[in-house]
N, C-alpha and C. Protein backbone atom coordinates (compact mmCIF):
# COMPACT_ATOMS: atom_id res chain seq x y z
N UNK A 1 -134.68 -137.29 7.12
CA UNK A 1 -133.90 -136.21 7.64
C UNK A 1 -134.70 -135.14 8.37
N UNK A 2 -136.03 -135.14 8.09
CA UNK A 2 -136.87 -134.17 8.72
C UNK A 2 -137.01 -134.44 10.23
N UNK A 3 -137.11 -135.75 10.59
CA UNK A 3 -137.12 -136.13 12.06
C UNK A 3 -135.98 -135.60 12.81
N UNK A 4 -134.80 -135.57 12.21
CA UNK A 4 -133.59 -135.02 12.95
C UNK A 4 -133.72 -133.53 13.12
N UNK A 5 -134.37 -132.90 12.14
CA UNK A 5 -134.50 -131.45 12.22
C UNK A 5 -135.43 -131.02 13.47
N UNK A 6 -136.40 -131.93 13.72
CA UNK A 6 -137.25 -131.72 14.89
C UNK A 6 -136.49 -132.07 16.24
N UNK A 7 -135.74 -133.05 16.17
CA UNK A 7 -135.04 -133.47 17.43
C UNK A 7 -134.05 -132.47 17.97
N UNK A 8 -133.39 -131.77 17.05
CA UNK A 8 -132.31 -130.83 17.47
C UNK A 8 -132.87 -129.70 18.36
N UNK A 9 -134.01 -129.00 17.87
CA UNK A 9 -134.61 -127.97 18.70
C UNK A 9 -135.11 -128.53 19.98
N UNK A 10 -135.70 -129.73 20.02
CA UNK A 10 -136.20 -130.34 21.31
C UNK A 10 -134.99 -130.61 22.23
N UNK A 11 -133.93 -131.14 21.75
CA UNK A 11 -132.79 -131.46 22.51
C UNK A 11 -132.24 -130.15 23.15
N UNK A 12 -132.22 -129.03 22.31
CA UNK A 12 -131.78 -127.73 22.82
C UNK A 12 -132.60 -127.23 23.91
N UNK A 13 -133.89 -127.29 23.73
CA UNK A 13 -134.80 -126.90 24.74
C UNK A 13 -134.61 -127.68 26.08
N UNK A 14 -134.52 -129.04 25.94
CA UNK A 14 -134.26 -129.87 27.07
C UNK A 14 -132.96 -129.46 27.80
N UNK A 15 -131.97 -129.26 27.08
CA UNK A 15 -130.76 -128.81 27.61
C UNK A 15 -130.80 -127.43 28.42
N UNK A 16 -131.48 -126.56 27.75
CA UNK A 16 -131.59 -125.26 28.42
C UNK A 16 -132.56 -125.38 29.72
N UNK A 17 -133.54 -126.20 29.67
CA UNK A 17 -134.43 -126.50 30.82
C UNK A 17 -133.60 -127.05 31.93
N UNK A 18 -132.79 -128.10 31.64
CA UNK A 18 -131.92 -128.68 32.62
C UNK A 18 -130.96 -127.62 33.30
N UNK A 19 -130.42 -126.76 32.45
CA UNK A 19 -129.46 -125.77 32.97
C UNK A 19 -130.19 -124.79 33.88
N UNK A 20 -131.43 -124.48 33.59
CA UNK A 20 -132.21 -123.50 34.41
C UNK A 20 -132.57 -124.16 35.77
N UNK A 21 -132.90 -125.49 35.59
CA UNK A 21 -133.32 -126.24 36.85
C UNK A 21 -132.15 -126.32 37.80
N UNK A 22 -130.93 -126.55 37.19
CA UNK A 22 -129.67 -126.56 37.98
C UNK A 22 -129.38 -125.28 38.69
N UNK A 23 -129.60 -124.17 37.88
CA UNK A 23 -129.30 -122.87 38.47
C UNK A 23 -130.41 -122.50 39.64
N UNK A 24 -131.68 -123.02 39.36
CA UNK A 24 -132.74 -122.83 40.39
C UNK A 24 -132.31 -123.59 41.68
N UNK A 25 -131.92 -124.81 41.51
CA UNK A 25 -131.57 -125.64 42.64
C UNK A 25 -130.44 -125.03 43.43
N UNK A 26 -129.40 -124.51 42.68
CA UNK A 26 -128.31 -123.71 43.37
C UNK A 26 -128.75 -122.55 44.18
N UNK A 27 -129.67 -121.85 43.53
CA UNK A 27 -130.28 -120.61 44.22
C UNK A 27 -131.04 -120.98 45.47
N UNK A 28 -131.78 -122.02 45.30
CA UNK A 28 -132.61 -122.54 46.48
C UNK A 28 -131.69 -122.97 47.56
N UNK A 29 -130.60 -123.70 47.24
CA UNK A 29 -129.68 -124.20 48.35
C UNK A 29 -129.04 -122.96 49.02
N UNK A 30 -128.58 -121.92 48.22
CA UNK A 30 -127.97 -120.78 48.77
C UNK A 30 -128.86 -120.05 49.75
N UNK A 31 -130.16 -119.90 49.22
CA UNK A 31 -131.09 -119.13 50.11
C UNK A 31 -131.46 -120.00 51.39
N UNK A 32 -131.55 -121.29 51.24
CA UNK A 32 -131.81 -122.07 52.46
C UNK A 32 -130.73 -121.99 53.41
N UNK A 33 -129.45 -122.10 52.94
CA UNK A 33 -128.28 -121.91 53.82
C UNK A 33 -128.28 -120.58 54.47
N UNK A 34 -128.60 -119.55 53.74
CA UNK A 34 -128.66 -118.16 54.31
C UNK A 34 -129.72 -118.07 55.38
N UNK A 35 -130.94 -118.62 55.14
CA UNK A 35 -132.03 -118.53 56.15
C UNK A 35 -131.60 -119.30 57.36
N UNK A 36 -131.02 -120.54 57.21
CA UNK A 36 -130.73 -121.40 58.32
C UNK A 36 -129.37 -121.16 58.82
N UNK A 37 -128.59 -120.28 58.22
CA UNK A 37 -127.30 -119.92 58.50
C UNK A 37 -126.36 -121.26 58.43
N UNK A 38 -126.85 -122.14 57.50
CA UNK A 38 -126.00 -123.29 57.34
C UNK A 38 -126.08 -124.36 58.37
N UNK A 39 -126.70 -124.11 59.52
CA UNK A 39 -126.59 -125.01 60.64
C UNK A 39 -127.34 -126.31 60.44
N UNK A 40 -128.47 -126.23 59.83
CA UNK A 40 -129.31 -127.45 59.65
C UNK A 40 -128.64 -128.38 58.65
N UNK A 41 -128.10 -127.75 57.55
CA UNK A 41 -127.54 -128.61 56.57
C UNK A 41 -126.13 -129.17 57.09
N UNK A 42 -125.44 -128.41 57.85
CA UNK A 42 -124.12 -128.83 58.50
C UNK A 42 -124.46 -130.01 59.44
N UNK A 43 -125.51 -130.04 60.22
CA UNK A 43 -125.87 -131.04 61.17
C UNK A 43 -126.13 -132.39 60.35
N UNK A 44 -126.86 -132.20 59.19
CA UNK A 44 -127.16 -133.39 58.44
C UNK A 44 -125.81 -133.92 57.88
N UNK A 45 -124.98 -133.16 57.34
CA UNK A 45 -123.73 -133.49 56.78
C UNK A 45 -122.82 -134.23 57.89
N UNK A 46 -122.92 -133.72 59.06
CA UNK A 46 -122.06 -134.29 60.18
C UNK A 46 -122.74 -135.56 60.69
N UNK A 47 -123.92 -135.83 60.39
CA UNK A 47 -124.52 -137.03 60.85
C UNK A 47 -125.18 -136.92 62.21
N UNK A 48 -125.46 -135.71 62.72
CA UNK A 48 -126.06 -135.51 63.98
C UNK A 48 -127.43 -136.09 64.14
N UNK A 49 -128.05 -136.27 63.08
CA UNK A 49 -129.47 -136.84 63.11
C UNK A 49 -129.45 -138.32 62.91
N UNK A 50 -128.32 -139.02 62.69
CA UNK A 50 -128.17 -140.36 62.41
C UNK A 50 -128.75 -141.18 63.52
N UNK A 51 -128.54 -140.80 64.70
CA UNK A 51 -128.88 -141.68 65.95
C UNK A 51 -130.35 -141.47 66.32
N UNK A 52 -131.06 -140.41 65.74
CA UNK A 52 -132.36 -140.13 66.18
C UNK A 52 -133.33 -140.93 65.34
N UNK A 53 -134.36 -141.46 65.92
CA UNK A 53 -135.45 -142.17 65.20
C UNK A 53 -136.50 -141.28 64.73
N UNK A 54 -136.82 -141.41 63.54
CA UNK A 54 -138.01 -140.66 63.05
C UNK A 54 -139.29 -141.26 63.23
N UNK A 55 -139.90 -141.06 64.35
CA UNK A 55 -141.16 -141.66 64.69
C UNK A 55 -142.28 -141.34 63.71
N UNK A 56 -142.24 -140.08 63.13
CA UNK A 56 -143.29 -139.75 62.21
C UNK A 56 -143.38 -140.57 61.02
N UNK A 57 -142.11 -140.98 60.54
CA UNK A 57 -142.07 -141.90 59.31
C UNK A 57 -142.64 -143.32 59.73
N UNK A 58 -142.20 -143.72 60.90
CA UNK A 58 -142.74 -145.10 61.38
C UNK A 58 -144.26 -145.05 61.54
N UNK A 59 -144.75 -143.98 62.04
CA UNK A 59 -146.22 -143.85 62.33
C UNK A 59 -146.94 -143.79 60.94
N UNK A 60 -146.45 -143.03 59.98
CA UNK A 60 -147.02 -142.96 58.67
C UNK A 60 -147.10 -144.36 57.97
N UNK A 61 -145.98 -145.08 58.22
CA UNK A 61 -145.98 -146.41 57.50
C UNK A 61 -147.06 -147.33 58.15
N UNK A 62 -147.09 -147.25 59.45
CA UNK A 62 -148.12 -148.06 60.17
C UNK A 62 -149.51 -147.74 59.76
N UNK A 63 -149.87 -146.42 59.60
CA UNK A 63 -151.12 -145.96 59.15
C UNK A 63 -151.44 -146.46 57.72
N UNK A 64 -150.44 -146.33 56.85
CA UNK A 64 -150.56 -146.91 55.47
C UNK A 64 -150.88 -148.31 55.50
N UNK A 65 -150.23 -149.15 56.27
CA UNK A 65 -150.44 -150.52 56.25
C UNK A 65 -151.81 -150.87 56.82
N UNK A 66 -152.34 -150.07 57.80
CA UNK A 66 -153.62 -150.34 58.32
C UNK A 66 -154.67 -149.99 57.29
N UNK A 67 -154.52 -149.05 56.51
CA UNK A 67 -155.47 -148.66 55.47
C UNK A 67 -155.51 -149.73 54.42
N UNK A 68 -154.36 -150.36 54.13
CA UNK A 68 -154.39 -151.36 53.07
C UNK A 68 -155.09 -152.61 53.47
N UNK A 69 -155.25 -152.89 54.83
CA UNK A 69 -155.80 -154.07 55.23
C UNK A 69 -157.35 -154.01 55.07
């Protein structure tokens, strides 16, 4: 029974930590939207970047592949 007594406080701490992280994520989203006035996030949601190629990612992949050889 002693093991259960240890698990409960740990479970409570984990739950509190999860709630704090969720609150932090909400706060960060709100501040990001405020700073960018929602435009960047709206563009992503609307798919405005879907047709654009991300050459930086392609270039990074190519460099990684060269380093592995």
